[in-house]
Amino acid sequence: MDKLERHEVRERQLGEQLTRSLASLEKRTRGEEKNIENIASYIARIEDKLKHAQTTIDQVSSENTFLCIPIWASFFSENEL
């Protein structure tokens, strides 16, 4: 095998290795993009649940504010209020 043939063989091997490496990187990138999409979706669901929980807490809190007045009033005689 002369020098030119050896050079062509090495160049072909390098090209094949480069192609495999790029394919591997592309596959990994697609997987990471999918993971990021899943995380974003999960965060959006958590935000919705937190908003719902905050709304419920606010509703219960405002309802209890009105309920607390008669409860506290029952601890005092009419003259103390």
PDB file of N, CA and C in Angstrom:
ATOM      1  N   MET A   1       0.855  -1.164   0.000  1.00  0.00           N
ATOM      2  CA  MET A   1       0.000   0.000   0.000  1.00  0.00           C
ATOM      3  C   MET A   1       0.911   1.239   0.000  1.00  0.00           C
ATOM      4  N   ASP A   2       0.692   2.092  -0.942  1.00  0.00           N
ATOM      5  CA  ASP A   2       1.543   3.281  -1.015  1.00  0.00           C
ATOM      6  C   ASP A   2       1.012   4.389  -0.094  1.00  0.00           C
ATOM      7  N   LYS A   3       1.757   5.456  -0.047  1.00  0.00           N
ATOM      8  CA  LYS A   3       1.437   6.567   0.854  1.00  0.00           C
ATOM      9  C   LYS A   3       0.057   7.162   0.574  1.00  0.00           C
ATOM     10  N   LEU A   4      -0.290   7.333  -0.652  1.00  0.00           N
ATOM     11  CA  LEU A   4      -1.564   7.936  -1.017  1.00  0.00           C
ATOM     12  C   LEU A   4      -2.730   7.070  -0.542  1.00  0.00           C
ATOM     13  N   GLU A   5      -2.623   5.750  -0.737  1.00  0.00           N
ATOM     14  CA  GLU A   5      -3.683   4.848  -0.289  1.00  0.00           C
ATOM     15  C   GLU A   5      -3.836   4.890   1.221  1.00  0.00           C
ATOM     16  N   ARG A   6      -2.714   4.886   1.959  1.00  0.00           N
ATOM     17  CA  ARG A   6      -2.784   4.961   3.428  1.00  0.00           C
ATOM     18  C   ARG A   6      -3.457   6.263   3.869  1.00  0.00           C
ATOM     19  N   HIS A   7      -3.103   7.344   3.198  1.00  0.00           N
ATOM     20  CA  HIS A   7      -3.697   8.638   3.512  1.00  0.00           C
ATOM     21  C   HIS A   7      -5.210   8.608   3.271  1.00  0.00           C
ATOM     22  N   GLU A   8      -5.635   8.032   2.148  1.00  0.00           N
ATOM     23  CA  GLU A   8      -7.062   7.950   1.831  1.00  0.00           C
ATOM     24  C   GLU A   8      -7.803   7.079   2.840  1.00  0.00           C
ATOM     25  N   VAL A   9      -7.176   5.974   3.271  1.00  0.00           N
ATOM     26  CA  VAL A   9      -7.794   5.095   4.271  1.00  0.00           C
ATOM     27  C   VAL A   9      -7.979   5.850   5.578  1.00  0.00           C
ATOM     28  N   ARG A  10      -6.925   6.549   6.036  1.00  0.00           N
ATOM     29  CA  ARG A  10      -7.019   7.324   7.279  1.00  0.00           C
ATOM     30  C   ARG A  10      -8.077   8.425   7.167  1.00  0.00           C
ATOM     31  N   GLU A  11      -8.130   9.069   6.012  1.00  0.00           N
ATOM     32  CA  GLU A  11      -9.112  10.134   5.806  1.00  0.00           C
ATOM     33  C   GLU A  11     -10.534   9.580   5.845  1.00  0.00           C
ATOM     34  N   ARG A  12     -10.751   8.429   5.239  1.00  0.00           N
ATOM     35  CA  ARG A  12     -12.064   7.782   5.251  1.00  0.00           C
ATOM     36  C   ARG A  12     -12.438   7.370   6.671  1.00  0.00           C
ATOM     37  N   GLN A  13     -11.483   6.801   7.421  1.00  0.00           N
ATOM     38  CA  GLN A  13     -11.747   6.411   8.808  1.00  0.00           C
ATOM     39  C   GLN A  13     -12.106   7.627   9.661  1.00  0.00           C
ATOM     40  N   LEU A  14     -11.366   8.696   9.451  1.00  0.00           N
ATOM     41  CA  LEU A  14     -11.645   9.924  10.190  1.00  0.00           C
ATOM     42  C   LEU A  14     -13.040  10.446   9.851  1.00  0.00           C
ATOM     43  N   GLY A  15     -13.404  10.415   8.582  1.00  0.00           N
ATOM     44  CA  GLY A  15     -14.735  10.865   8.155  1.00  0.00           C
ATOM     45  C   GLY A  15     -15.836  10.034   8.794  1.00  0.00           C
ATOM     46  N   GLU A  16     -15.634   8.698   8.825  1.00  0.00           N
ATOM     47  CA  GLU A  16     -16.627   7.810   9.445  1.00  0.00           C
ATOM     48  C   GLU A  16     -16.745   8.086  10.938  1.00  0.00           C
ATOM     49  N   GLN A  17     -15.608   8.279  11.594  1.00  0.00           N
ATOM     50  CA  GLN A  17     -15.611   8.562  13.029  1.00  0.00           C
ATOM     51  C   GLN A  17     -16.308   9.897  13.309  1.00  0.00           C
ATOM     52  N   LEU A  18     -16.031  10.888  12.499  1.00  0.00           N
ATOM     53  CA  LEU A  18     -16.653  12.194  12.649  1.00  0.00           C
ATOM     54  C   LEU A  18     -18.165  12.090  12.447  1.00  0.00           C
ATOM     55  N   THR A  19     -18.588  11.334  11.461  1.00  0.00           N
ATOM     56  CA  THR A  19     -20.018  11.144  11.202  1.00  0.00           C
ATOM     57  C   THR A  19     -20.699  10.489  12.394  1.00  0.00           C
ATOM     58  N   ARG A  20     -20.087   9.457  12.959  1.00  0.00           N
ATOM     59  CA  ARG A  20     -20.651   8.789  14.140  1.00  0.00           C
ATOM     60  C   ARG A  20     -20.719   9.737  15.332  1.00  0.00           C
ATOM     61  N   SER A  21     -19.671  10.521  15.520  1.00  0.00           N
ATOM     62  CA  SER A  21     -19.648  11.466  16.643  1.00  0.00           C
ATOM     63  C   SER A  21     -20.743  12.508  16.507  1.00  0.00           C
ATOM     64  N   LEU A  22     -20.904  13.054  15.311  1.00  0.00           N
ATOM     65  CA  LEU A  22     -21.952  14.055  15.090  1.00  0.00           C
ATOM     66  C   LEU A  22     -23.346  13.463  15.287  1.00  0.00           C
ATOM     67  N   ALA A  23     -23.549  12.240  14.834  1.00  0.00           N
ATOM     68  CA  ALA A  23     -24.840  11.576  15.017  1.00  0.00           C
ATOM     69  C   ALA A  23     -25.128  11.370  16.508  1.00  0.00           C
ATOM     70  N   SER A  24     -24.105  10.984  17.249  1.00  0.00           N
ATOM     71  CA  SER A  24     -24.261  10.798  18.692  1.00  0.00           C
ATOM     72  C   SER A  24     -24.604  12.110  19.390  1.00  0.00           C
ATOM     73  N   LEU A  25     -23.913  13.192  19.019  1.00  0.00           N
ATOM     74  CA  LEU A  25     -24.203  14.501  19.604  1.00  0.00           C
ATOM     75  C   LEU A  25     -25.615  14.972  19.265  1.00  0.00           C
ATOM     76  N   GLU A  26     -26.027  14.736  18.028  1.00  0.00           N
ATOM     77  CA  GLU A  26     -27.371  15.133  17.614  1.00  0.00           C
ATOM     78  C   GLU A  26     -28.429  14.376  18.410  1.00  0.00           C
ATOM     79  N   LYS A  27     -28.205  13.094  18.604  1.00  0.00           N
ATOM     80  CA  LYS A  27     -29.148  12.270  19.369  1.00  0.00           C
ATOM     81  C   LYS A  27     -29.221  12.760  20.815  1.00  0.00           C
ATOM     82  N   ARG A  28     -28.082  13.055  21.405  1.00  0.00           N
ATOM     83  CA  ARG A  28     -28.037  13.539  22.788  1.00  0.00           C
ATOM     84  C   ARG A  28     -28.741  14.889  22.908  1.00  0.00           C
ATOM     85  N   THR A  29     -28.535  15.757  21.937  1.00  0.00           N
ATOM     86  CA  THR A  29     -29.163  17.078  21.943  1.00  0.00           C
ATOM     87  C   THR A  29     -30.672  16.964  21.866  1.00  0.00           C
ATOM     88  N   ARG A  30     -31.155  16.065  20.989  1.00  0.00           N
ATOM     89  CA  ARG A  30     -32.606  15.860  20.902  1.00  0.00           C
ATOM     90  C   ARG A  30     -33.165  15.370  22.222  1.00  0.00           C
ATOM     91  N   GLY A  31     -32.451  14.476  22.890  1.00  0.00           N
ATOM     92  CA  GLY A  31     -32.897  13.974  24.188  1.00  0.00           C
ATOM     93  C   GLY A  31     -32.931  15.067  25.244  1.00  0.00           C
ATOM     94  N   GLU A  32     -31.915  15.934  25.231  1.00  0.00           N
ATOM     95  CA  GLU A  32     -31.878  17.027  26.194  1.00  0.00           C
ATOM     96  C   GLU A  32     -32.986  18.037  25.919  1.00  0.00           C
ATOM     97  N   GLU A  33     -33.259  18.305  24.660  1.00  0.00           N
ATOM     98  CA  GLU A  33     -34.353  19.218  24.312  1.00  0.00           C
ATOM     99  C   GLU A  33     -35.683  18.664  24.806  1.00  0.00           C
ATOM    100  N   LYS A  34     -35.878  17.369  24.651  1.00  0.00           N
ATOM    101  CA  LYS A  34     -37.112  16.733  25.121  1.00  0.00           C
ATOM    102  C   LYS A  34     -37.198  16.834  26.643  1.00  0.00           C
ATOM    103  N   ASN A  35     -36.068  16.633  27.335  1.00  0.00           N
ATOM    104  CA  ASN A  35     -36.066  16.765  28.787  1.00  0.00           C
ATOM    105  C   ASN A  35     -36.440  18.177  29.220  1.00  0.00           C
ATOM    106  N   ILE A  36     -35.923  19.167  28.512  1.00  0.00           N
ATOM    107  CA  ILE A  36     -36.232  20.559  28.839  1.00  0.00           C
ATOM    108  C   ILE A  36     -37.722  20.831  28.619  1.00  0.00           C
ATOM    109  N   GLU A  37     -38.269  20.297  27.538  1.00  0.00           N
ATOM    110  CA  GLU A  37     -39.705  20.460  27.280  1.00  0.00           C
ATOM    111  C   GLU A  37     -40.526  19.819  28.393  1.00  0.00           C
ATOM    112  N   ASN A  38     -40.115  18.641  28.836  1.00  0.00           N
ATOM    113  CA  ASN A  38     -40.829  17.965  29.927  1.00  0.00           C
ATOM    114  C   ASN A  38     -40.759  18.772  31.221  1.00  0.00           C
ATOM    115  N   ILE A  39     -39.594  19.328  31.508  1.00  0.00           N
ATOM    116  CA  ILE A  39     -39.428  20.136  32.716  1.00  0.00           C
ATOM    117  C   ILE A  39     -40.306  21.384  32.634  1.00  0.00           C
ATOM    118  N   ALA A  40     -40.331  22.038  31.481  1.00  0.00           N
ATOM    119  CA  ALA A  40     -41.156  23.236  31.314  1.00  0.00           C
ATOM    120  C   ALA A  40     -42.632  22.904  31.509  1.00  0.00           C
ATOM    121  N   SER A  41     -43.069  21.784  30.982  1.00  0.00           N
ATOM    122  CA  SER A  41     -44.458  21.351  31.147  1.00  0.00           C
ATOM    123  C   SER A  41     -44.764  21.075  32.613  1.00  0.00           C
ATOM    124  N   TYR A  42     -43.844  20.424  33.292  1.00  0.00           N
ATOM    125  CA  TYR A  42     -44.018  20.109  34.708  1.00  0.00           C
ATOM    126  C   TYR A  42     -44.103  21.393  35.536  1.00  0.00           C
ATOM    127  N   ILE A  43     -43.251  22.366  35.235  1.00  0.00           N
ATOM    128  CA  ILE A  43     -43.270  23.641  35.955  1.00  0.00           C
ATOM    129  C   ILE A  43     -44.595  24.367  35.714  1.00  0.00           C
ATOM    130  N   ALA A  44     -45.093  24.319  34.503  1.00  0.00           N
ATOM    131  CA  ALA A  44     -46.375  24.959  34.195  1.00  0.00           C
ATOM    132  C   ALA A  44     -47.507  24.319  35.004  1.00  0.00           C
ATOM    133  N   ARG A  45     -47.492  22.991  35.118  1.00  0.00           N
ATOM    134  CA  ARG A  45     -48.519  22.314  35.921  1.00  0.00           C
ATOM    135  C   ARG A  45     -48.408  22.693  37.389  1.00  0.00           C
ATOM    136  N   ILE A  46     -47.185  22.784  37.901  1.00  0.00           N
ATOM    137  CA  ILE A  46     -46.985  23.174  39.294  1.00  0.00           C
ATOM    138  C   ILE A  46     -47.488  24.601  39.526  1.00  0.00           C
ATOM    139  N   GLU A  47     -47.199  25.508  38.583  1.00  0.00           N
ATOM    140  CA  GLU A  47     -47.678  26.885  38.703  1.00  0.00           C
ATOM    141  C   GLU A  47     -49.202  26.931  38.753  1.00  0.00           C
ATOM    142  N   ASP A  48     -49.865  26.138  37.905  1.00  0.00           N
ATOM    143  CA  ASP A  48     -51.330  26.093  37.922  1.00  0.00           C
ATOM    144  C   ASP A  48     -51.848  25.595  39.262  1.00  0.00           C
ATOM    145  N   LYS A  49     -51.213  24.557  39.789  1.00  0.00           N
ATOM    146  CA  LYS A  49     -51.635  24.029  41.093  1.00  0.00           C
ATOM    147  C   LYS A  49     -51.419  25.051  42.199  1.00  0.00           C
ATOM    148  N   LEU A  50     -50.309  25.781  42.140  1.00  0.00           N
ATOM    149  CA  LEU A  50     -50.048  26.811  43.148  1.00  0.00           C
ATOM    150  C   LEU A  50     -51.070  27.941  43.064  1.00  0.00           C
ATOM    151  N   LYS A  51     -51.419  28.346  41.842  1.00  0.00           N
ATOM    152  CA  LYS A  51     -52.431  29.396  41.677  1.00  0.00           C
ATOM    153  C   LYS A  51     -53.764  28.944  42.251  1.00  0.00           C
ATOM    154  N   HIS A  52     -54.127  27.705  41.966  1.00  0.00           N
ATOM    155  CA  HIS A  52     -55.382  27.165  42.498  1.00  0.00           C
ATOM    156  C   HIS A  52     -55.340  27.109  44.023  1.00  0.00           C
ATOM    157  N   ALA A  53     -54.224  26.656  44.572  1.00  0.00           N
ATOM    158  CA  ALA A  53     -54.082  26.586  46.027  1.00  0.00           C
ATOM    159  C   ALA A  53     -54.155  27.986  46.639  1.00  0.00           C
ATOM    160  N   GLN A  54     -53.501  28.967  46.017  1.00  0.00           N
ATOM    161  CA  GLN A  54     -53.533  30.335  46.540  1.00  0.00           C
ATOM    162  C   GLN A  54     -54.942  30.901  46.487  1.00  0.00           C
ATOM    163  N   THR A  55     -55.669  30.619  45.411  1.00  0.00           N
ATOM    164  CA  THR A  55     -57.050  31.074  45.299  1.00  0.00           C
ATOM    165  C   THR A  55     -57.905  30.460  46.403  1.00  0.00           C
ATOM    166  N   THR A  56     -57.725  29.177  46.635  1.00  0.00           N
ATOM    167  CA  THR A  56     -58.475  28.501  47.688  1.00  0.00           C
ATOM    168  C   THR A  56     -58.133  29.078  49.052  1.00  0.00           C
ATOM    169  N   ILE A  57     -56.862  29.312  49.308  1.00  0.00           N
ATOM    170  CA  ILE A  57     -56.438  29.884  50.589  1.00  0.00           C
ATOM    171  C   ILE A  57     -57.039  31.278  50.765  1.00  0.00           C
ATOM    172  N   ASP A  58     -57.007  32.075  49.712  1.00  0.00           N
ATOM    173  CA  ASP A  58     -57.581  33.420  49.794  1.00  0.00           C
ATOM    174  C   ASP A  58     -59.074  33.376  50.077  1.00  0.00           C
ATOM    175  N   GLN A  59     -59.779  32.451  49.439  1.00  0.00           N
ATOM    176  CA  GLN A  59     -61.217  32.329  49.660  1.00  0.00           C
ATOM    177  C   GLN A  59     -61.511  31.912  51.089  1.00  0.00           C
ATOM    178  N   VAL A  60     -60.795  30.902  51.577  1.00  0.00           N
ATOM    179  CA  VAL A  60     -61.002  30.418  52.940  1.00  0.00           C
ATOM    180  C   VAL A  60     -60.630  31.504  53.940  1.00  0.00           C
ATOM    181  N   SER A  61     -59.557  32.208  53.665  1.00  0.00           N
ATOM    182  CA  SER A  61     -59.108  33.273  54.548  1.00  0.00           C
ATOM    183  C   SER A  61     -60.151  34.382  54.642  1.00  0.00           C
ATOM    184  N   SER A  62     -60.713  34.788  53.492  1.00  0.00           N
ATOM    185  CA  SER A  62     -61.716  35.858  53.529  1.00  0.00           C
ATOM    186  C   SER A  62     -62.995  35.375  54.192  1.00  0.00           C
ATOM    187  N   GLU A  63     -63.368  34.119  53.999  1.00  0.00           N
ATOM    188  CA  GLU A  63     -64.554  33.573  54.662  1.00  0.00           C
ATOM    189  C   GLU A  63     -64.334  33.504  56.169  1.00  0.00           C
ATOM    190  N   ASN A  64     -63.144  33.101  56.591  1.00  0.00           N
ATOM    191  CA  ASN A  64     -62.851  32.986  58.017  1.00  0.00           C
ATOM    192  C   ASN A  64     -62.765  34.343  58.684  1.00  0.00           C
ATOM    193  N   THR A  65     -62.392  35.366  57.967  1.00  0.00           N
ATOM    194  CA  THR A  65     -62.331  36.708  58.540  1.00  0.00           C
ATOM    195  C   THR A  65     -63.722  37.121  58.997  1.00  0.00           C
ATOM    196  N   PHE A  66     -64.717  36.833  58.188  1.00  0.00           N
ATOM    197  CA  PHE A  66     -66.084  37.195  58.558  1.00  0.00           C
ATOM    198  C   PHE A  66     -66.615  36.282  59.662  1.00  0.00           C
ATOM    199  N   LEU A  67     -66.165  35.046  59.689  1.00  0.00           N
ATOM    200  CA  LEU A  67     -66.621  34.114  60.712  1.00  0.00           C
ATOM    201  C   LEU A  67     -65.968  34.364  62.055  1.00  0.00           C
ATOM    202  N   CYS A  68     -64.776  34.914  62.061  1.00  0.00           N
ATOM    203  CA  CYS A  68     -64.037  35.109  63.313  1.00  0.00           C
ATOM    204  C   CYS A  68     -64.665  36.187  64.179  1.00  0.00           C
ATOM    205  N   ILE A  69     -65.302  37.163  63.611  1.00  0.00           N
ATOM    206  CA  ILE A  69     -65.874  38.260  64.405  1.00  0.00           C
ATOM    207  C   ILE A  69     -66.912  37.736  65.392  1.00  0.00           C
ATOM    208  N   PRO A  70     -67.897  36.934  64.968  1.00  0.00           N
ATOM    209  CA  PRO A  70     -68.862  36.424  65.948  1.00  0.00           C
ATOM    210  C   PRO A  70     -68.212  35.482  66.958  1.00  0.00           C
ATOM    211  N   ILE A  71     -67.194  34.723  66.550  1.00  0.00           N
ATOM    212  CA  ILE A  71     -66.545  33.810  67.489  1.00  0.00           C
ATOM    213  C   ILE A  71     -65.855  34.599  68.586  1.00  0.00           C
ATOM    214  N   TRP A  72     -65.091  35.637  68.224  1.00  0.00           N
ATOM    215  CA  TRP A  72     -64.405  36.446  69.235  1.00  0.00           C
ATOM    216  C   TRP A  72     -65.407  37.244  70.062  1.00  0.00           C
ATOM    217  N   ALA A  73     -66.467  37.661  69.443  1.00  0.00           N
ATOM    218  CA  ALA A  73     -67.471  38.444  70.171  1.00  0.00           C
ATOM    219  C   ALA A  73     -68.121  37.610  71.264  1.00  0.00           C
ATOM    220  N   SER A  74     -68.193  36.307  71.069  1.00  0.00           N
ATOM    221  CA  SER A  74     -68.833  35.456  72.076  1.00  0.00           C
ATOM    222  C   SER A  74     -68.002  35.346  73.350  1.00  0.00           C
ATOM    223  N   PHE A  75     -66.729  35.712  73.303  1.00  0.00           N
ATOM    224  CA  PHE A  75     -65.880  35.649  74.489  1.00  0.00           C
ATOM    225  C   PHE A  75     -66.042  36.879  75.392  1.00  0.00           C
ATOM    226  N   PHE A  76     -66.673  37.923  74.910  1.00  0.00           N
ATOM    227  CA  PHE A  76     -66.827  39.154  75.663  1.00  0.00           C
ATOM    228  C   PHE A  76     -68.297  39.401  75.952  1.00  0.00           C
ATOM    229  N   SER A  77     -68.551  40.088  77.032  1.00  0.00           N
ATOM    230  CA  SER A  77     -69.938  40.489  77.302  1.00  0.00           C
ATOM    231  C   SER A  77     -70.257  41.674  76.406  1.00  0.00           C
ATOM    232  N   GLU A  78     -71.514  41.993  76.262  1.00  0.00           N
ATOM    233  CA  GLU A  78     -71.929  43.074  75.387  1.00  0.00           C
ATOM    234  C   GLU A  78     -71.365  44.408  75.825  1.00  0.00           C
ATOM    235  N   ASN A  79     -71.128  44.611  77.115  1.00  0.00           N
ATOM    236  CA  ASN A  79     -70.610  45.878  77.618  1.00  0.00           C
ATOM    237  C   ASN A  79     -69.138  46.073  77.265  1.00  0.00           C
ATOM    238  N   GLU A  80     -68.378  45.000  77.106  1.00  0.00           N
ATOM    239  CA  GLU A  80     -66.961  45.111  76.806  1.00  0.00           C
ATOM    240  C   GLU A  80     -66.703  45.432  75.336  1.00  0.00           C
ATOM    241  N   LEU A  81     -67.638  45.122  74.479  1.00  0.00           N
ATOM    242  CA  LEU A  81     -67.450  45.408  73.053  1.00  0.00           C
ATOM    243  C   LEU A  81     -67.713  46.836  72.831  1.00  0.00           C
TER     244      LEU A  81
END
